[in-house]
Amino acid sequence: MRKKLLPVFLGILSIIGFGSCSNFEGNQEIPSYIKIDAINLVQNNNIPQSSIEGFNTSLITDVWIYVDNINIGAFTLPCEIPILEEGSHKIDIRPGVKLNGIAMTRAEYPFYSYYSQTHNLIPGKTIDFGSLEVKYNDILTKFSLIELFESPSIEFTTDGVNPDSTNLITKINHIDSVEYGSYCGAMYLGKNQASYKIITDSMYVTNKDVLILELDYWCNIPFDIGIKGKTSSGSKDYYINAMRVNANSNKGWQKIYVVMGKVWQQLFYPDTFRVFFSPANPNNIDNGWVYIDNVKLIHKPNF
């Protein structure tokens, strides 16, 4: 027996209200159905790095469904969704993610393409989409930072350390540690050692609409992610944390989408800023490690 799925909570990036089949007026009692197993991120040939292993990692957990541009709800994958319409209708299936890895902040992801086609809906019948494919929308998506740790140089340096000193982030290629490509980035922090920050060069962003940091990570100690920058009218540098990522050593590599716009806003949106990572060892374990890979700072085109 088919059960109608409950819409998940509204995400940060979306301000449209949740709906259900009750949004549609009329006397129809037997719904049509659409079934979706998964949504996978695939290569976009217009983005040169898109062919590199690891670049297209994703964690698409939900779909947001529109019928004739009317939002009928968000649904956790896989799903089978009842629609109280019949005949020819435009179906939009938009990928959704958990922002900051939190189930209560599910949202449509604006940097991915989405499925949009007209279908003939028949009461009692199911349209089975199986697994759909999406790409980064190269028109709406700009990458201020891409670090896949496959090139000889690294986009991160240790903050406040002389360039000739040892960099505290390094590339490793241990077969038991690397998940994507040949290398990943590694930070270490042992018992009673002082924390530190690794940081990017300055990045220039003027579009304030959405700012997301994507990365894959695996760690046995937590680490902080944030922005270093000056206020629009000030000269002092500030470090503002966006979130602390918890240890996940028993879970292996995971994907996260970190909302950076909130901390950027606290600096009053300076055009230039830097992104930092900082390992922490609150439990004073002997050999703390943080592995990161496929780091991307994404925003919409600058004005």
C-alpha atoms as a PDB file:
ATOM      1  CA  MET A   1       0.000   0.000   0.000  1.00  0.00           C
ATOM      2  CA  ARG A   2       1.414   3.351  -1.030  1.00  0.00           C
ATOM      3  CA  LYS A   3       1.863   5.966   1.639  1.00  0.00           C
ATOM      4  CA  LYS A   4       2.202   9.644   1.006  1.00  0.00           C
ATOM      5  CA  LEU A   5       5.551  10.911   2.237  1.00  0.00           C
ATOM      6  CA  LEU A   6       5.718  13.780   4.708  1.00  0.00           C
ATOM      7  CA  PRO A   7       7.575  16.867   3.478  1.00  0.00           C
ATOM      8  CA  VAL A   8      10.810  17.597   5.307  1.00  0.00           C
ATOM      9  CA  PHE A   9      11.412  20.896   7.002  1.00  0.00           C
ATOM     10  CA  LEU A  10      12.130  24.038   5.046  1.00  0.00           C
ATOM     11  CA  GLY A  11      15.817  24.681   4.356  1.00  0.00           C
ATOM     12  CA  ILE A  12      17.777  27.855   4.927  1.00  0.00           C
ATOM     13  CA  LEU A  13      18.166  28.725   1.279  1.00  0.00           C
ATOM     14  CA  SER A  14      14.503  28.405   0.380  1.00  0.00           C
ATOM     15  CA  ILE A  15      11.700  30.674   1.483  1.00  0.00           C
ATOM     16  CA  ILE A  16       8.881  28.926  -0.311  1.00  0.00           C
ATOM     17  CA  GLY A  17       6.341  27.181   1.875  1.00  0.00           C
ATOM     18  CA  PHE A  18       5.888  23.470   2.000  1.00  0.00           C
ATOM     19  CA  GLY A  19       2.936  21.998   0.246  1.00  0.00           C
ATOM     20  CA  SER A  20       1.348  18.685  -0.461  1.00  0.00           C
ATOM     21  CA  CYS A  21      -1.163  17.320  -2.884  1.00  0.00           C
ATOM     22  CA  SER A  22      -3.765  19.388  -1.057  1.00  0.00           C
ATOM     23  CA  ASN A  23      -2.319  22.374  -2.929  1.00  0.00           C
ATOM     24  CA  PHE A  24      -4.206  21.176  -6.003  1.00  0.00           C
ATOM     25  CA  GLU A  25      -7.898  21.951  -6.254  1.00  0.00           C
ATOM     26  CA  GLY A  26     -10.509  19.632  -7.702  1.00  0.00           C
ATOM     27  CA  ASN A  27     -12.358  16.396  -7.028  1.00  0.00           C
ATOM     28  CA  GLN A  28      -9.670  13.962  -8.090  1.00  0.00           C
ATOM     29  CA  GLU A  29      -9.249  11.221  -5.459  1.00  0.00           C
ATOM     30  CA  ILE A  30      -6.850   8.791  -7.157  1.00  0.00           C
ATOM     31  CA  PRO A  31      -3.364  10.289  -7.440  1.00  0.00           C
ATOM     32  CA  SER A  32      -0.711   9.741 -10.032  1.00  0.00           C
ATOM     33  CA  TYR A  33       2.738   8.869  -8.703  1.00  0.00           C
ATOM     34  CA  ILE A  34       6.336   9.739  -9.456  1.00  0.00           C
ATOM     35  CA  LYS A  35       9.136   7.554  -8.109  1.00  0.00           C
ATOM     36  CA  ILE A  36      12.763   8.642  -7.672  1.00  0.00           C
ATOM     37  CA  ASP A  37      15.562   6.415  -6.405  1.00  0.00           C
ATOM     38  CA  ALA A  38      18.496   8.822  -6.275  1.00  0.00           C
ATOM     39  CA  ILE A  39      20.101  11.915  -7.793  1.00  0.00           C
ATOM     40  CA  ASN A  40      23.757  11.722  -8.812  1.00  0.00           C
ATOM     41  CA  LEU A  41      26.166  14.553  -9.594  1.00  0.00           C
ATOM     42  CA  VAL A  42      28.024  13.998 -12.879  1.00  0.00           C
ATOM     43  CA  GLN A  43      30.695  15.762 -14.927  1.00  0.00           C
ATOM     44  CA  ASN A  44      30.048  19.143 -16.525  1.00  0.00           C
ATOM     45  CA  ASN A  45      32.375  19.498 -19.503  1.00  0.00           C
ATOM     46  CA  ASN A  46      32.227  23.305 -19.229  1.00  0.00           C
ATOM     47  CA  ILE A  47      34.062  23.108 -15.883  1.00  0.00           C
ATOM     48  CA  PRO A  48      37.660  21.944 -16.501  1.00  0.00           C
ATOM     49  CA  GLN A  49      38.153  20.401 -13.046  1.00  0.00           C
ATOM     50  CA  SER A  50      34.918  18.444 -13.348  1.00  0.00           C
ATOM     51  CA  SER A  51      36.765  15.501 -14.911  1.00  0.00           C
ATOM     52  CA  ILE A  52      39.139  15.105 -11.934  1.00  0.00           C
ATOM     53  CA  GLU A  53      38.324  12.256  -9.566  1.00  0.00           C
ATOM     54  CA  GLY A  54      36.618  13.560  -6.451  1.00  0.00           C
ATOM     55  CA  PHE A  55      35.464  16.868  -7.876  1.00  0.00           C
ATOM     56  CA  ASN A  56      31.890  15.610  -8.263  1.00  0.00           C
ATOM     57  CA  THR A  57      31.395  14.219  -4.772  1.00  0.00           C
ATOM     58  CA  SER A  58      27.938  15.029  -3.447  1.00  0.00           C
ATOM     59  CA  LEU A  59      25.423  14.200  -0.747  1.00  0.00           C
ATOM     60  CA  ILE A  60      22.010  14.793  -2.317  1.00  0.00           C
ATOM     61  CA  THR A  61      19.517  13.584   0.276  1.00  0.00           C
ATOM     62  CA  ASP A  62      16.213  15.084  -0.864  1.00  0.00           C
ATOM     63  CA  VAL A  63      14.133  16.170  -3.824  1.00  0.00           C
ATOM     64  CA  TRP A  64      11.993  19.280  -4.065  1.00  0.00           C
ATOM     65  CA  ILE A  65       9.047  18.700  -6.378  1.00  0.00           C
ATOM     66  CA  TYR A  66       7.186  21.291  -8.461  1.00  0.00           C
ATOM     67  CA  VAL A  67       4.197  20.643 -10.723  1.00  0.00           C
ATOM     68  CA  ASP A  68       3.489  23.471 -13.177  1.00  0.00           C
ATOM     69  CA  ASN A  69       5.779  25.667 -11.028  1.00  0.00           C
ATOM     70  CA  ILE A  70       3.747  24.927  -7.874  1.00  0.00           C
ATOM     71  CA  ASN A  71       5.803  23.557  -4.993  1.00  0.00           C
ATOM     72  CA  ILE A  72       4.222  20.383  -3.614  1.00  0.00           C
ATOM     73  CA  GLY A  73       6.911  19.599  -1.062  1.00  0.00           C
ATOM     74  CA  ALA A  74      10.357  18.217  -0.292  1.00  0.00           C
ATOM     75  CA  PHE A  75      10.869  14.474   0.073  1.00  0.00           C
ATOM     76  CA  THR A  76      13.676  12.283   1.361  1.00  0.00           C
ATOM     77  CA  LEU A  77      15.270   9.985  -1.191  1.00  0.00           C
ATOM     78  CA  PRO A  78      14.329   7.379  -2.275  1.00  0.00           C
ATOM     79  CA  CYS A  79      10.669   8.321  -2.549  1.00  0.00           C
ATOM     80  CA  GLU A  80       7.364   7.696  -4.296  1.00  0.00           C
ATOM     81  CA  ILE A  81       5.242  10.824  -4.402  1.00  0.00           C
ATOM     82  CA  PRO A  82       1.463  11.088  -5.003  1.00  0.00           C
ATOM     83  CA  ILE A  83       0.262  13.944  -7.228  1.00  0.00           C
ATOM     84  CA  LEU A  84      -3.414  14.849  -7.507  1.00  0.00           C
ATOM     85  CA  GLU A  85      -3.262  15.824 -11.149  1.00  0.00           C
ATOM     86  CA  GLU A  86      -3.760  14.040 -14.444  1.00  0.00           C
ATOM     87  CA  GLY A  87      -2.885  14.800 -18.034  1.00  0.00           C
ATOM     88  CA  SER A  88       0.044  16.845 -19.322  1.00  0.00           C
ATOM     89  CA  HIS A  89       1.975  18.721 -16.606  1.00  0.00           C
ATOM     90  CA  LYS A  90       5.496  20.098 -16.172  1.00  0.00           C
ATOM     91  CA  ILE A  91       7.427  18.241 -13.477  1.00  0.00           C
ATOM     92  CA  ASP A  92      10.470  19.852 -11.840  1.00  0.00           C
ATOM     93  CA  ILE A  93      12.697  17.661  -9.657  1.00  0.00           C
ATOM     94  CA  ARG A  94      15.289  19.732  -7.806  1.00  0.00           C
ATOM     95  CA  PRO A  95      18.132  18.265  -5.709  1.00  0.00           C
ATOM     96  CA  GLY A  96      18.326  19.078  -2.021  1.00  0.00           C
ATOM     97  CA  VAL A  97      21.063  18.844   0.624  1.00  0.00           C
ATOM     98  CA  LYS A  98      21.486  19.205   4.381  1.00  0.00           C
ATOM     99  CA  LEU A  99      23.240  22.499   5.070  1.00  0.00           C
ATOM    100  CA  ASN A 100      25.955  22.211   7.735  1.00  0.00           C
ATOM    101  CA  GLY A 101      25.097  18.506   7.855  1.00  0.00           C
ATOM    102  CA  ILE A 102      21.950  19.221   9.886  1.00  0.00           C
ATOM    103  CA  ALA A 103      18.663  17.490   9.056  1.00  0.00           C
ATOM    104  CA  MET A 104      16.647  20.536  10.137  1.00  0.00           C
ATOM    105  CA  THR A 105      18.346  22.742   7.528  1.00  0.00           C
ATOM    106  CA  ARG A 106      17.434  20.930   4.326  1.00  0.00           C
ATOM    107  CA  ALA A 107      17.378  23.104   1.233  1.00  0.00           C
ATOM    108  CA  GLU A 108      17.299  23.119  -2.522  1.00  0.00           C
ATOM    109  CA  TYR A 109      20.889  23.388  -3.694  1.00  0.00           C
ATOM    110  CA  PRO A 110      21.104  26.339  -6.091  1.00  0.00           C
ATOM    111  CA  PHE A 111      24.422  25.340  -7.684  1.00  0.00           C
ATOM    112  CA  TYR A 112      23.120  22.095  -9.187  1.00  0.00           C
ATOM    113  CA  SER A 113      21.040  21.778 -12.335  1.00  0.00           C
ATOM    114  CA  TYR A 114      17.633  20.126 -12.041  1.00  0.00           C
ATOM    115  CA  TYR A 115      15.247  17.973 -14.043  1.00  0.00           C
ATOM    116  CA  SER A 116      12.342  19.725 -15.806  1.00  0.00           C
ATOM    117  CA  GLN A 117      10.125  17.981 -18.346  1.00  0.00           C
ATOM    118  CA  THR A 118       6.440  17.666 -19.278  1.00  0.00           C
ATOM    119  CA  HIS A 119       4.827  14.297 -18.487  1.00  0.00           C
ATOM    120  CA  ASN A 120       1.413  12.721 -18.920  1.00  0.00           C
ATOM    121  CA  LEU A 121       0.093  11.929 -15.439  1.00  0.00           C
ATOM    122  CA  ILE A 122      -2.345   9.001 -15.223  1.00  0.00           C
ATOM    123  CA  PRO A 123      -4.292   8.335 -11.992  1.00  0.00           C
ATOM    124  CA  GLY A 124      -3.082   5.167 -10.305  1.00  0.00           C
ATOM    125  CA  LYS A 125       0.017   4.948 -12.512  1.00  0.00           C
ATOM    126  CA  THR A 126       3.637   5.575 -11.535  1.00  0.00           C
ATOM    127  CA  ILE A 127       6.316   7.363 -13.541  1.00  0.00           C
ATOM    128  CA  ASP A 128       9.572   5.749 -12.433  1.00  0.00           C
ATOM    129  CA  PHE A 129      12.517   8.123 -12.902  1.00  0.00           C
ATOM    130  CA  GLY A 130      15.035   5.742 -11.356  1.00  0.00           C
ATOM    131  CA  SER A 131      18.308   7.577 -10.705  1.00  0.00           C
ATOM    132  CA  LEU A 132      18.547  11.067 -12.190  1.00  0.00           C
ATOM    133  CA  GLU A 133      21.731  12.951 -13.047  1.00  0.00           C
ATOM    134  CA  VAL A 134      22.517  16.611 -12.352  1.00  0.00           C
ATOM    135  CA  LYS A 135      25.575  18.813 -12.915  1.00  0.00           C
ATOM    136  CA  TYR A 136      27.009  21.968 -11.440  1.00  0.00           C
ATOM    137  CA  ASN A 137      25.188  24.809 -13.155  1.00  0.00           C
ATOM    138  CA  ASP A 138      28.183  26.473 -14.818  1.00  0.00           C
ATOM    139  CA  ILE A 139      26.182  29.650 -15.549  1.00  0.00           C
ATOM    140  CA  LEU A 140      25.194  30.263 -11.910  1.00  0.00           C
ATOM    141  CA  THR A 141      28.175  28.653 -10.176  1.00  0.00           C
ATOM    142  CA  LYS A 142      31.511  30.356  -9.550  1.00  0.00           C
ATOM    143  CA  PHE A 143      34.386  28.731  -7.694  1.00  0.00           C
ATOM    144  CA  SER A 144      36.597  31.110  -5.720  1.00  0.00           C
ATOM    145  CA  LEU A 145      38.481  28.138  -4.306  1.00  0.00           C
ATOM    146  CA  ILE A 146      39.107  24.637  -5.644  1.00  0.00           C
ATOM    147  CA  GLU A 147      41.597  22.461  -3.765  1.00  0.00           C
ATOM    148  CA  LEU A 148      41.653  18.796  -4.743  1.00  0.00           C
ATOM    149  CA  PHE A 149      45.194  18.209  -3.413  1.00  0.00           C
ATOM    150  CA  GLU A 150      46.239  16.661  -6.729  1.00  0.00           C
ATOM    151  CA  SER A 151      48.507  19.528  -7.866  1.00  0.00           C
ATOM    152  CA  PRO A 152      52.087  20.061  -6.618  1.00  0.00           C
ATOM    153  CA  SER A 153      51.135  23.230  -4.692  1.00  0.00           C
ATOM    154  CA  ILE A 154      48.472  23.641  -1.986  1.00  0.00           C
ATOM    155  CA  GLU A 155      46.015  26.552  -1.751  1.00  0.00           C
ATOM    156  CA  PHE A 156      46.381  26.606   2.078  1.00  0.00           C
ATOM    157  CA  THR A 157      49.271  27.849   4.216  1.00  0.00           C
ATOM    158  CA  THR A 158      49.706  28.044   7.977  1.00  0.00           C
ATOM    159  CA  ASP A 159      48.343  31.381   9.179  1.00  0.00           C
ATOM    160  CA  GLY A 160      50.895  33.689  10.777  1.00  0.00           C
ATOM    161  CA  VAL A 161      53.878  31.455   9.951  1.00  0.00           C
ATOM    162  CA  ASN A 162      56.842  32.532   7.879  1.00  0.00           C
ATOM    163  CA  PRO A 163      56.484  31.072   4.357  1.00  0.00           C
ATOM    164  CA  ASP A 164      59.887  29.429   4.758  1.00  0.00           C
ATOM    165  CA  SER A 165      58.700  27.546   7.839  1.00  0.00           C
ATOM    166  CA  THR A 166      57.111  24.121   7.745  1.00  0.00           C
ATOM    167  CA  ASN A 167      53.525  24.222   6.506  1.00  0.00           C
ATOM    168  CA  LEU A 168      51.190  22.518   9.000  1.00  0.00           C
ATOM    169  CA  ILE A 169      48.916  21.217   6.270  1.00  0.00           C
ATOM    170  CA  THR A 170      50.421  18.604   4.035  1.00  0.00           C
ATOM    171  CA  LYS A 171      49.467  16.241   1.240  1.00  0.00           C
ATOM    172  CA  ILE A 172      49.363  12.528   1.978  1.00  0.00           C
ATOM    173  CA  ASN A 173      48.862   9.554  -0.295  1.00  0.00           C
ATOM    174  CA  HIS A 174      48.443   6.723   2.209  1.00  0.00           C
ATOM    175  CA  ILE A 175      46.279   4.091   0.560  1.00  0.00           C
ATOM    176  CA  ASP A 176      44.276   3.638   3.773  1.00  0.00           C
ATOM    177  CA  SER A 177      43.576   7.364   4.115  1.00  0.00           C
ATOM    178  CA  VAL A 178      42.864   8.717   0.633  1.00  0.00           C
ATOM    179  CA  GLU A 179      39.378   8.194  -0.798  1.00  0.00           C
ATOM    180  CA  TYR A 180      39.438  10.317  -3.978  1.00  0.00           C
ATOM    181  CA  GLY A 181      42.291  10.660  -6.444  1.00  0.00           C
ATOM    182  CA  SER A 182      45.860  10.116  -5.250  1.00  0.00           C
ATOM    183  CA  TYR A 183      46.152  12.640  -2.404  1.00  0.00           C
ATOM    184  CA  CYS A 184      44.234  14.393   0.344  1.00  0.00           C
ATOM    185  CA  GLY A 185      45.140  17.183   2.761  1.00  0.00           C
ATOM    186  CA  ALA A 186      46.134  16.357   6.331  1.00  0.00           C
ATOM    187  CA  MET A 187      46.381  18.344   9.573  1.00  0.00           C
ATOM    188  CA  TYR A 188      47.712  16.874  12.817  1.00  0.00           C
ATOM    189  CA  LEU A 189      47.335  17.941  16.444  1.00  0.00           C
ATOM    190  CA  GLY A 190      48.693  15.831  19.267  1.00  0.00           C
ATOM    191  CA  LYS A 191      48.119  15.871  22.997  1.00  0.00           C
ATOM    192  CA  ASN A 192      48.778  19.261  24.642  1.00  0.00           C
ATOM    193  CA  GLN A 193      49.806  20.827  21.344  1.00  0.00           C
ATOM    194  CA  ALA A 194      48.617  24.332  20.542  1.00  0.00           C
ATOM    195  CA  SER A 195      45.956  24.683  17.887  1.00  0.00           C
ATOM    196  CA  TYR A 196      46.703  26.569  14.673  1.00  0.00           C
ATOM    197  CA  LYS A 197      44.934  27.793  11.554  1.00  0.00           C
ATOM    198  CA  ILE A 198      45.547  26.998   7.912  1.00  0.00           C
ATOM    199  CA  ILE A 199      44.276  29.632   5.537  1.00  0.00           C
ATOM    200  CA  THR A 200      43.700  30.483   1.875  1.00  0.00           C
ATOM    201  CA  ASP A 201      44.885  33.489  -0.061  1.00  0.00           C
ATOM    202  CA  SER A 202      42.414  36.358  -0.350  1.00  0.00           C
ATOM    203  CA  MET A 203      39.305  35.664  -2.397  1.00  0.00           C
ATOM    204  CA  TYR A 204      37.154  38.246  -4.134  1.00  0.00           C
ATOM    205  CA  VAL A 205      33.380  37.823  -3.851  1.00  0.00           C
ATOM    206  CA  THR A 206      30.719  40.498  -4.277  1.00  0.00           C
ATOM    207  CA  ASN A 207      27.523  38.470  -4.771  1.00  0.00           C
ATOM    208  CA  LYS A 208      25.995  38.169  -1.303  1.00  0.00           C
ATOM    209  CA  ASP A 209      23.189  35.794  -2.278  1.00  0.00           C
ATOM    210  CA  VAL A 210      24.712  32.406  -1.354  1.00  0.00           C
ATOM    211  CA  LEU A 211      28.183  31.415  -0.159  1.00  0.00           C
ATOM    212  CA  ILE A 212      28.854  27.720   0.460  1.00  0.00           C
ATOM    213  CA  LEU A 213      32.001  25.785   1.306  1.00  0.00           C
ATOM    214  CA  GLU A 214      31.906  22.176   0.149  1.00  0.00           C
ATOM    215  CA  LEU A 215      34.369  19.577   1.346  1.00  0.00           C
ATOM    216  CA  ASP A 216      34.902  15.918   2.095  1.00  0.00           C
ATOM    217  CA  TYR A 217      36.446  15.107   5.458  1.00  0.00           C
ATOM    218  CA  TRP A 218      37.503  12.320   7.793  1.00  0.00           C
ATOM    219  CA  CYS A 219      38.882  13.058  11.256  1.00  0.00           C
ATOM    220  CA  ASN A 220      39.402  11.709  14.752  1.00  0.00           C
ATOM    221  CA  ILE A 221      39.375  15.210  16.263  1.00  0.00           C
ATOM    222  CA  PRO A 222      37.030  18.132  15.536  1.00  0.00           C
ATOM    223  CA  PHE A 223      38.014  21.122  13.452  1.00  0.00           C
ATOM    224  CA  ASP A 224      36.683  24.642  12.926  1.00  0.00           C
ATOM    225  CA  ILE A 225      35.839  26.316   9.630  1.00  0.00           C
ATOM    226  CA  GLY A 226      35.540  30.067   9.315  1.00  0.00           C
ATOM    227  CA  ILE A 227      36.391  33.342   7.616  1.00  0.00           C
ATOM    228  CA  LYS A 228      39.211  35.773   8.335  1.00  0.00           C
ATOM    229  CA  GLY A 229      38.641  39.309   7.146  1.00  0.00           C
ATOM    230  CA  LYS A 230      38.276  42.968   7.867  1.00  0.00           C
ATOM    231  CA  THR A 231      35.001  44.789   8.248  1.00  0.00           C
ATOM    232  CA  SER A 232      34.079  46.990   5.331  1.00  0.00           C
ATOM    233  CA  SER A 233      35.283  50.109   7.133  1.00  0.00           C
ATOM    234  CA  GLY A 234      37.881  48.696   9.536  1.00  0.00           C
ATOM    235  CA  SER A 235      41.539  47.701   9.422  1.00  0.00           C
ATOM    236  CA  LYS A 236      41.592  44.929  12.039  1.00  0.00           C
ATOM    237  CA  ASP A 237      41.401  41.287  10.982  1.00  0.00           C
ATOM    238  CA  TYR A 238      38.724  39.143  12.600  1.00  0.00           C
ATOM    239  CA  TYR A 239      38.380  35.361  12.735  1.00  0.00           C
ATOM    240  CA  ILE A 240      34.745  34.249  12.715  1.00  0.00           C
ATOM    241  CA  ASN A 241      33.836  30.573  12.970  1.00  0.00           C
ATOM    242  CA  ALA A 242      31.139  29.238  10.674  1.00  0.00           C
ATOM    243  CA  MET A 243      30.918  25.848  12.411  1.00  0.00           C
ATOM    244  CA  ARG A 244      32.821  23.136  14.244  1.00  0.00           C
ATOM    245  CA  VAL A 245      32.880  19.798  12.446  1.00  0.00           C
ATOM    246  CA  ASN A 246      32.822  16.864  14.853  1.00  0.00           C
ATOM    247  CA  ALA A 247      35.114  13.846  14.733  1.00  0.00           C
ATOM    248  CA  ASN A 248      33.834  11.035  12.514  1.00  0.00           C
ATOM    249  CA  SER A 249      36.638   8.480  12.533  1.00  0.00           C
ATOM    250  CA  ASN A 250      34.195   5.560  12.794  1.00  0.00           C
ATOM    251  CA  LYS A 251      32.141   6.770   9.810  1.00  0.00           C
ATOM    252  CA  GLY A 252      34.889   7.274   7.246  1.00  0.00           C
ATOM    253  CA  TRP A 253      34.837  10.013   4.602  1.00  0.00           C
ATOM    254  CA  GLN A 254      31.762  12.267   4.628  1.00  0.00           C
ATOM    255  CA  LYS A 255      30.512  15.202   2.562  1.00  0.00           C
ATOM    256  CA  ILE A 256      29.364  18.512   4.044  1.00  0.00           C
ATOM    257  CA  TYR A 257      27.959  21.797   2.698  1.00  0.00           C
ATOM    258  CA  VAL A 258      28.926  24.637   5.062  1.00  0.00           C
ATOM    259  CA  VAL A 259      26.995  27.921   5.011  1.00  0.00           C
ATOM    260  CA  MET A 260      29.576  30.729   4.997  1.00  0.00           C
ATOM    261  CA  GLY A 261      27.314  33.668   4.232  1.00  0.00           C
ATOM    262  CA  LYS A 262      26.269  34.179   7.841  1.00  0.00           C
ATOM    263  CA  VAL A 263      29.818  34.808   9.056  1.00  0.00           C
ATOM    264  CA  TRP A 264      30.626  36.893   5.989  1.00  0.00           C
ATOM    265  CA  GLN A 265      27.621  39.012   6.914  1.00  0.00           C
ATOM    266  CA  GLN A 266      29.070  39.571  10.402  1.00  0.00           C
ATOM    267  CA  LEU A 267      31.999  41.296   8.722  1.00  0.00           C
ATOM    268  CA  PHE A 268      29.550  43.446   6.713  1.00  0.00           C
ATOM    269  CA  TYR A 269      30.403  41.656   3.465  1.00  0.00           C
ATOM    270  CA  PRO A 270      33.937  42.790   2.625  1.00  0.00           C
ATOM    271  CA  ASP A 271      34.798  42.084  -1.016  1.00  0.00           C
ATOM    272  CA  THR A 272      37.931  40.167  -0.013  1.00  0.00           C
ATOM    273  CA  PHE A 273      38.376  37.624   2.759  1.00  0.00           C
ATOM    274  CA  ARG A 274      40.139  34.336   3.504  1.00  0.00           C
ATOM    275  CA  VAL A 275      38.841  30.926   4.586  1.00  0.00           C
ATOM    276  CA  PHE A 276      40.519  29.046   7.421  1.00  0.00           C
ATOM    277  CA  PHE A 277      40.494  25.604   9.008  1.00  0.00           C
ATOM    278  CA  SER A 278      41.640  24.988  12.571  1.00  0.00           C
ATOM    279  CA  PRO A 279      42.035  21.538  14.184  1.00  0.00           C
ATOM    280  CA  ALA A 280      41.036  21.161  17.836  1.00  0.00           C
ATOM    281  CA  ASN A 281      41.856  18.490  20.381  1.00  0.00           C
ATOM    282  CA  PRO A 282      39.543  19.037  23.364  1.00  0.00           C
ATOM    283  CA  ASN A 283      39.969  15.481  24.629  1.00  0.00           C
ATOM    284  CA  ASN A 284      43.768  15.566  24.410  1.00  0.00           C
ATOM    285  CA  ILE A 285      44.146  12.389  22.404  1.00  0.00           C
ATOM    286  CA  ASP A 286      47.691  11.406  21.474  1.00  0.00           C
ATOM    287  CA  ASN A 287      47.486  11.417  17.692  1.00  0.00           C
ATOM    288  CA  GLY A 288      44.813  13.754  16.377  1.00  0.00           C
ATOM    289  CA  TRP A 289      44.317  13.949  12.621  1.00  0.00           C
ATOM    290  CA  VAL A 290      42.036  15.736  10.160  1.00  0.00           C
ATOM    291  CA  TYR A 291      41.879  14.733   6.494  1.00  0.00           C
ATOM    292  CA  ILE A 292      40.154  17.018   3.998  1.00  0.00           C
ATOM    293  CA  ASP A 293      39.643  16.823   0.255  1.00  0.00           C
ATOM    294  CA  ASN A 294      37.694  18.349  -2.649  1.00  0.00           C
ATOM    295  CA  VAL A 295      37.421  21.762  -0.989  1.00  0.00           C
ATOM    296  CA  LYS A 296      35.351  24.266  -2.975  1.00  0.00           C
ATOM    297  CA  LEU A 297      34.125  27.756  -2.059  1.00  0.00           C
ATOM    298  CA  ILE A 298      31.099  28.421  -4.262  1.00  0.00           C
ATOM    299  CA  HIS A 299      29.010  31.495  -4.933  1.00  0.00           C
ATOM    300  CA  LYS A 300      26.902  33.029  -7.663  1.00  0.00           C
ATOM    301  CA  PRO A 301      28.560  35.299 -10.284  1.00  0.00           C
ATOM    302  CA  ASN A 302      30.036  38.536  -9.015  1.00  0.00           C
ATOM    303  CA  PHE A 303      28.342  41.747  -9.993  1.00  0.00           C
END
